Amino acid sequence: RESETMLRWGDALTTLRMHGNFISVLPWDLWVLTSVQELSYEPSVVLVPTQEIVVRGWGMMRCYMRHWDDAIRRRALDLSHFRFLHIPTEVFLYDKMTRLDLSHNR
C-alpha cells in the first residue's frame, strides 16, 4: 500500500528541487518520474551520472538513466550517440554487463 501511495504522488510531481544540497550521486530511478518537467540540482556537485550528462539538463539525464535501467535488466548498455568525450566512470563500476555499445561518440 505504501509504495502505491508513493507512485501516485510521483505522477503529479512537476517540479523537483534538489539544489542547495551536496548530493553527488543522483538516484537512478529518477527517470521514472516522467511528470517532472523541472529538476534543479547542483551540477558541479553531481558526480554520478557523469558530468557530461548532468550539464545537459533533465531531459538528457532522464534518457541516460533510462538506458541504465535497461542495462540492469538486460546486462547490455547502449550509450551510442551520447556525444561523450570520456567514458563515464559508472560504466567501469558496473560489473554485470556483458555488452557495451559506445559507438558514435566523440
N, C-alpha and C. Protein backbone atom coordinates (compact mmCIF):
# COMPACT_ATOMS: atom_id res chain seq x y z
N ARG A 1 0.81 -1.21 0.00
CA ARG A 1 0.00 0.00 0.00
C ARG A 1 0.85 1.26 0.00
N GLU A 2 1.90 1.29 0.80
CA GLU A 2 2.74 2.48 0.88
C GLU A 2 3.39 2.80 -0.46
N SER A 3 3.87 1.78 -1.18
CA SER A 3 4.51 2.02 -2.49
C SER A 3 3.50 2.56 -3.50
N GLU A 4 2.24 2.13 -3.41
CA GLU A 4 1.21 2.67 -4.32
C GLU A 4 1.01 4.15 -4.06
N THR A 5 1.02 4.56 -2.82
CA THR A 5 0.87 5.98 -2.48
C THR A 5 2.04 6.78 -3.03
N MET A 6 3.24 6.27 -2.91
CA MET A 6 4.41 6.96 -3.41
C MET A 6 4.32 7.13 -4.92
N LEU A 7 3.86 6.12 -5.62
CA LEU A 7 3.74 6.21 -7.07
C LEU A 7 2.69 7.24 -7.48
N ARG A 8 1.63 7.36 -6.72
CA ARG A 8 0.59 8.34 -7.05
C ARG A 8 1.12 9.75 -6.98
N TRP A 9 1.88 10.10 -5.94
CA TRP A 9 2.39 11.47 -5.88
C TRP A 9 3.42 11.69 -6.98
N GLY A 10 4.10 10.64 -7.41
CA GLY A 10 5.09 10.76 -8.48
C GLY A 10 4.46 11.13 -9.81
N ASP A 11 3.22 10.73 -10.04
CA ASP A 11 2.54 11.06 -11.29
C ASP A 11 2.18 12.54 -11.37
N ALA A 12 1.99 13.19 -10.24
CA ALA A 12 1.57 14.59 -10.23
C ALA A 12 2.75 15.55 -10.04
N LEU A 13 3.90 15.03 -9.73
CA LEU A 13 5.06 15.86 -9.43
C LEU A 13 5.59 16.51 -10.71
N THR A 14 5.62 17.84 -10.76
CA THR A 14 6.12 18.53 -11.96
C THR A 14 7.43 19.25 -11.71
N THR A 15 7.72 19.60 -10.46
CA THR A 15 8.96 20.30 -10.12
C THR A 15 9.63 19.58 -8.96
N LEU A 16 10.90 19.28 -9.13
CA LEU A 16 11.68 18.64 -8.08
C LEU A 16 12.92 19.48 -7.84
N ARG A 17 13.02 20.07 -6.67
CA ARG A 17 14.16 20.93 -6.35
C ARG A 17 15.09 20.20 -5.39
N MET A 18 16.30 19.96 -5.85
CA MET A 18 17.29 19.27 -5.04
C MET A 18 18.53 20.14 -4.84
N HIS A 19 18.50 21.39 -5.31
CA HIS A 19 19.66 22.27 -5.18
C HIS A 19 19.87 22.68 -3.72
N GLY A 20 21.06 23.17 -3.46
CA GLY A 20 21.38 23.56 -2.09
C GLY A 20 21.82 22.40 -1.24
N ASN A 21 22.01 21.24 -1.85
CA ASN A 21 22.48 20.04 -1.17
C ASN A 21 23.81 19.61 -1.77
N PHE A 22 24.49 18.74 -1.12
CA PHE A 22 25.73 18.21 -1.67
C PHE A 22 25.52 16.76 -2.09
N ILE A 23 24.46 16.54 -2.85
CA ILE A 23 24.14 15.19 -3.34
C ILE A 23 25.03 14.93 -4.54
N SER A 24 25.94 13.98 -4.42
CA SER A 24 26.88 13.72 -5.50
C SER A 24 26.44 12.57 -6.41
N VAL A 25 25.53 11.74 -5.93
CA VAL A 25 25.02 10.64 -6.74
C VAL A 25 23.50 10.75 -6.79
N LEU A 26 22.97 10.97 -7.98
CA LEU A 26 21.52 11.07 -8.13
C LEU A 26 20.93 9.67 -8.22
N PRO A 27 19.76 9.44 -7.65
CA PRO A 27 19.13 8.11 -7.71
C PRO A 27 18.84 7.71 -9.16
N TRP A 28 19.19 6.50 -9.52
CA TRP A 28 18.98 6.03 -10.89
C TRP A 28 17.51 5.94 -11.25
N ASP A 29 16.65 5.82 -10.26
CA ASP A 29 15.21 5.69 -10.54
C ASP A 29 14.52 7.02 -10.81
N LEU A 30 15.24 8.11 -10.83
CA LEU A 30 14.62 9.41 -11.12
C LEU A 30 13.93 9.43 -12.48
N TRP A 31 14.42 8.65 -13.42
CA TRP A 31 13.88 8.68 -14.77
C TRP A 31 12.41 8.27 -14.83
N VAL A 32 11.92 7.52 -13.84
CA VAL A 32 10.52 7.09 -13.86
C VAL A 32 9.57 8.24 -13.54
N LEU A 33 10.08 9.33 -13.03
CA LEU A 33 9.24 10.50 -12.73
C LEU A 33 9.00 11.29 -14.02
N THR A 34 8.24 10.73 -14.90
CA THR A 34 8.03 11.33 -16.22
C THR A 34 7.23 12.63 -16.17
N SER A 35 6.51 12.86 -15.09
CA SER A 35 5.74 14.10 -14.98
C SER A 35 6.63 15.28 -14.59
N VAL A 36 7.83 15.01 -14.09
CA VAL A 36 8.74 16.09 -13.69
C VAL A 36 9.24 16.81 -14.94
N GLN A 37 8.95 18.10 -14.98
CA GLN A 37 9.38 18.92 -16.11
C GLN A 37 10.58 19.78 -15.73
N GLU A 38 10.73 20.04 -14.45
CA GLU A 38 11.84 20.87 -13.98
C GLU A 38 12.52 20.18 -12.82
N LEU A 39 13.81 19.95 -12.97
CA LEU A 39 14.62 19.36 -11.90
C LEU A 39 15.78 20.31 -11.65
N SER A 40 15.90 20.78 -10.42
CA SER A 40 17.04 21.65 -10.10
C SER A 40 17.97 20.90 -9.16
N TYR A 41 19.25 21.04 -9.42
CA TYR A 41 20.29 20.37 -8.65
C TYR A 41 21.57 21.17 -8.82
N GLU A 42 22.60 20.79 -8.10
CA GLU A 42 23.89 21.46 -8.19
C GLU A 42 24.76 20.67 -9.17
N PRO A 43 24.81 21.07 -10.45
CA PRO A 43 25.56 20.31 -11.45
C PRO A 43 27.03 20.11 -11.10
N SER A 44 27.63 21.10 -10.45
CA SER A 44 29.05 20.98 -10.14
C SER A 44 29.34 19.96 -9.04
N VAL A 45 28.31 19.59 -8.29
CA VAL A 45 28.47 18.64 -7.18
C VAL A 45 28.19 17.21 -7.62
N VAL A 46 27.28 17.04 -8.58
CA VAL A 46 26.87 15.71 -9.01
C VAL A 46 28.00 15.02 -9.78
N LEU A 47 28.37 13.84 -9.33
CA LEU A 47 29.42 13.06 -9.98
C LEU A 47 28.84 11.89 -10.76
N VAL A 48 27.73 11.36 -10.31
CA VAL A 48 27.05 10.25 -10.98
C VAL A 48 25.59 10.61 -11.09
N PRO A 49 25.03 10.67 -12.28
CA PRO A 49 25.62 10.37 -13.57
C PRO A 49 26.75 11.34 -13.92
N THR A 50 27.50 10.95 -14.92
CA THR A 50 28.66 11.71 -15.36
C THR A 50 28.32 13.17 -15.65
N GLN A 51 29.27 14.04 -15.38
CA GLN A 51 29.10 15.48 -15.62
C GLN A 51 28.71 15.79 -17.06
N GLU A 52 29.19 15.00 -18.01
CA GLU A 52 28.86 15.24 -19.42
C GLU A 52 27.36 15.14 -19.67
N ILE A 53 26.66 14.38 -18.87
CA ILE A 53 25.21 14.25 -18.98
C ILE A 53 24.52 15.29 -18.10
N VAL A 54 24.97 15.44 -16.88
CA VAL A 54 24.34 16.33 -15.91
C VAL A 54 24.23 17.76 -16.43
N VAL A 55 25.28 18.26 -17.05
CA VAL A 55 25.26 19.66 -17.51
C VAL A 55 24.34 19.88 -18.71
N ARG A 56 23.90 18.81 -19.34
CA ARG A 56 23.00 18.94 -20.49
C ARG A 56 21.52 19.00 -20.11
N GLY A 57 21.22 18.90 -18.83
CA GLY A 57 19.85 19.11 -18.39
C GLY A 57 19.07 17.83 -18.12
N TRP A 58 17.87 18.06 -17.61
CA TRP A 58 17.00 16.99 -17.14
C TRP A 58 16.57 16.03 -18.24
N GLY A 59 16.25 16.52 -19.41
CA GLY A 59 15.81 15.64 -20.49
C GLY A 59 16.88 14.63 -20.87
N MET A 60 18.11 15.10 -21.02
CA MET A 60 19.22 14.20 -21.36
C MET A 60 19.52 13.25 -20.21
N MET A 61 19.42 13.76 -18.99
CA MET A 61 19.67 12.90 -17.83
C MET A 61 18.64 11.79 -17.74
N ARG A 62 17.39 12.11 -17.98
CA ARG A 62 16.32 11.10 -17.93
C ARG A 62 16.59 10.01 -18.99
N CYS A 63 16.97 10.42 -20.18
CA CYS A 63 17.27 9.46 -21.24
C CYS A 63 18.44 8.55 -20.84
N TYR A 64 19.49 9.13 -20.32
CA TYR A 64 20.66 8.38 -19.89
C TYR A 64 20.31 7.38 -18.80
N MET A 65 19.52 7.82 -17.82
CA MET A 65 19.12 6.94 -16.73
C MET A 65 18.23 5.80 -17.22
N ARG A 66 17.39 6.09 -18.20
CA ARG A 66 16.54 5.04 -18.77
C ARG A 66 17.40 3.97 -19.45
N HIS A 67 18.46 4.39 -20.13
CA HIS A 67 19.38 3.42 -20.74
C HIS A 67 20.02 2.54 -19.68
N TRP A 68 20.36 3.12 -18.55
CA TRP A 68 20.94 2.34 -17.45
C TRP A 68 19.93 1.36 -16.86
N ASP A 69 18.69 1.77 -16.76
CA ASP A 69 17.66 0.87 -16.26
C ASP A 69 17.52 -0.34 -17.19
N ASP A 70 17.54 -0.10 -18.48
CA ASP A 70 17.51 -1.20 -19.46
C ASP A 70 18.74 -2.10 -19.29
N ALA A 71 19.89 -1.49 -19.07
CA ALA A 71 21.13 -2.25 -18.93
C ALA A 71 21.10 -3.18 -17.74
N ILE A 72 20.52 -2.73 -16.66
CA ILE A 72 20.47 -3.55 -15.45
C ILE A 72 19.62 -4.79 -15.69
N ARG A 73 18.54 -4.62 -16.44
CA ARG A 73 17.67 -5.77 -16.72
C ARG A 73 18.27 -6.69 -17.79
N ARG A 74 18.93 -6.13 -18.79
CA ARG A 74 19.43 -6.92 -19.92
C ARG A 74 20.92 -7.23 -19.87
N ARG A 75 21.63 -6.56 -18.97
CA ARG A 75 23.08 -6.72 -18.86
C ARG A 75 23.81 -6.22 -20.10
N ALA A 76 23.17 -5.34 -20.84
CA ALA A 76 23.75 -4.75 -22.04
C ALA A 76 23.46 -3.25 -22.01
N LEU A 77 24.48 -2.44 -22.19
CA LEU A 77 24.33 -0.99 -22.09
C LEU A 77 24.61 -0.33 -23.43
N ASP A 78 23.66 0.44 -23.91
CA ASP A 78 23.81 1.17 -25.17
C ASP A 78 23.97 2.66 -24.87
N LEU A 79 25.19 3.14 -24.99
CA LEU A 79 25.48 4.56 -24.80
C LEU A 79 25.97 5.18 -26.11
N SER A 80 25.51 4.63 -27.21
CA SER A 80 25.88 5.20 -28.50
C SER A 80 25.15 6.52 -28.72
N HIS A 81 25.77 7.40 -29.46
CA HIS A 81 25.18 8.69 -29.86
C HIS A 81 24.95 9.65 -28.70
N PHE A 82 25.65 9.50 -27.60
CA PHE A 82 25.51 10.45 -26.48
C PHE A 82 26.53 11.59 -26.57
N ARG A 83 27.42 11.56 -27.52
CA ARG A 83 28.45 12.58 -27.74
C ARG A 83 29.42 12.70 -26.56
N PHE A 84 29.80 11.57 -25.99
CA PHE A 84 30.74 11.56 -24.89
C PHE A 84 32.16 11.87 -25.38
N LEU A 85 32.90 12.63 -24.59
CA LEU A 85 34.33 12.79 -24.81
C LEU A 85 35.09 11.74 -23.99
N HIS A 86 34.51 11.37 -22.84
CA HIS A 86 35.13 10.40 -21.93
C HIS A 86 34.13 9.31 -21.58
N ILE A 87 34.64 8.13 -21.33
CA ILE A 87 33.78 7.04 -20.90
C ILE A 87 33.34 7.33 -19.47
N PRO A 88 32.04 7.32 -19.20
CA PRO A 88 31.57 7.61 -17.84
C PRO A 88 32.11 6.63 -16.81
N THR A 89 32.50 7.13 -15.66
CA THR A 89 33.05 6.31 -14.58
C THR A 89 32.12 5.18 -14.21
N GLU A 90 30.81 5.46 -14.19
CA GLU A 90 29.86 4.43 -13.77
C GLU A 90 29.88 3.19 -14.66
N VAL A 91 30.36 3.34 -15.90
CA VAL A 91 30.48 2.18 -16.80
C VAL A 91 31.48 1.18 -16.23
N PHE A 92 32.56 1.68 -15.68
CA PHE A 92 33.59 0.80 -15.12
C PHE A 92 33.16 0.17 -13.80
N LEU A 93 32.20 0.77 -13.14
CA LEU A 93 31.75 0.26 -11.84
C LEU A 93 30.69 -0.83 -11.96
N TYR A 94 30.07 -0.95 -13.13
CA TYR A 94 29.01 -1.94 -13.31
C TYR A 94 29.62 -3.25 -13.80
N ASP A 95 29.70 -4.23 -12.92
CA ASP A 95 30.42 -5.46 -13.23
C ASP A 95 29.56 -6.59 -13.81
N LYS A 96 28.26 -6.37 -14.01
CA LYS A 96 27.40 -7.43 -14.52
C LYS A 96 27.11 -7.28 -16.02
N MET A 97 27.72 -6.29 -16.64
CA MET A 97 27.47 -6.01 -18.04
C MET A 97 28.16 -7.03 -18.95
N THR A 98 27.44 -7.50 -19.95
CA THR A 98 28.03 -8.43 -20.91
C THR A 98 28.22 -7.77 -22.29
N ARG A 99 27.51 -6.68 -22.54
CA ARG A 99 27.64 -5.95 -23.82
C ARG A 99 27.62 -4.46 -23.55
N LEU A 100 28.49 -3.73 -24.27
CA LEU A 100 28.57 -2.29 -24.13
C LEU A 100 28.73 -1.66 -25.51
N ASP A 101 27.87 -0.72 -25.84
CA ASP A 101 27.94 -0.01 -27.12
C ASP A 101 28.26 1.45 -26.85
N LEU A 102 29.46 1.87 -27.22
CA LEU A 102 29.88 3.26 -27.08
C LEU A 102 30.12 3.90 -28.45
N SER A 103 29.57 3.32 -29.47
CA SER A 103 29.81 3.83 -30.84
C SER A 103 29.19 5.20 -31.05
N HIS A 104 29.72 5.91 -32.02
CA HIS A 104 29.21 7.21 -32.45
C HIS A 104 29.23 8.26 -31.34
N ASN A 105 30.29 8.28 -30.58
CA ASN A 105 30.54 9.35 -29.61
C ASN A 105 31.72 10.16 -30.16
N ARG A 106 32.17 11.16 -29.41
CA ARG A 106 33.25 12.00 -29.92
C ARG A 106 34.61 11.45 -29.58
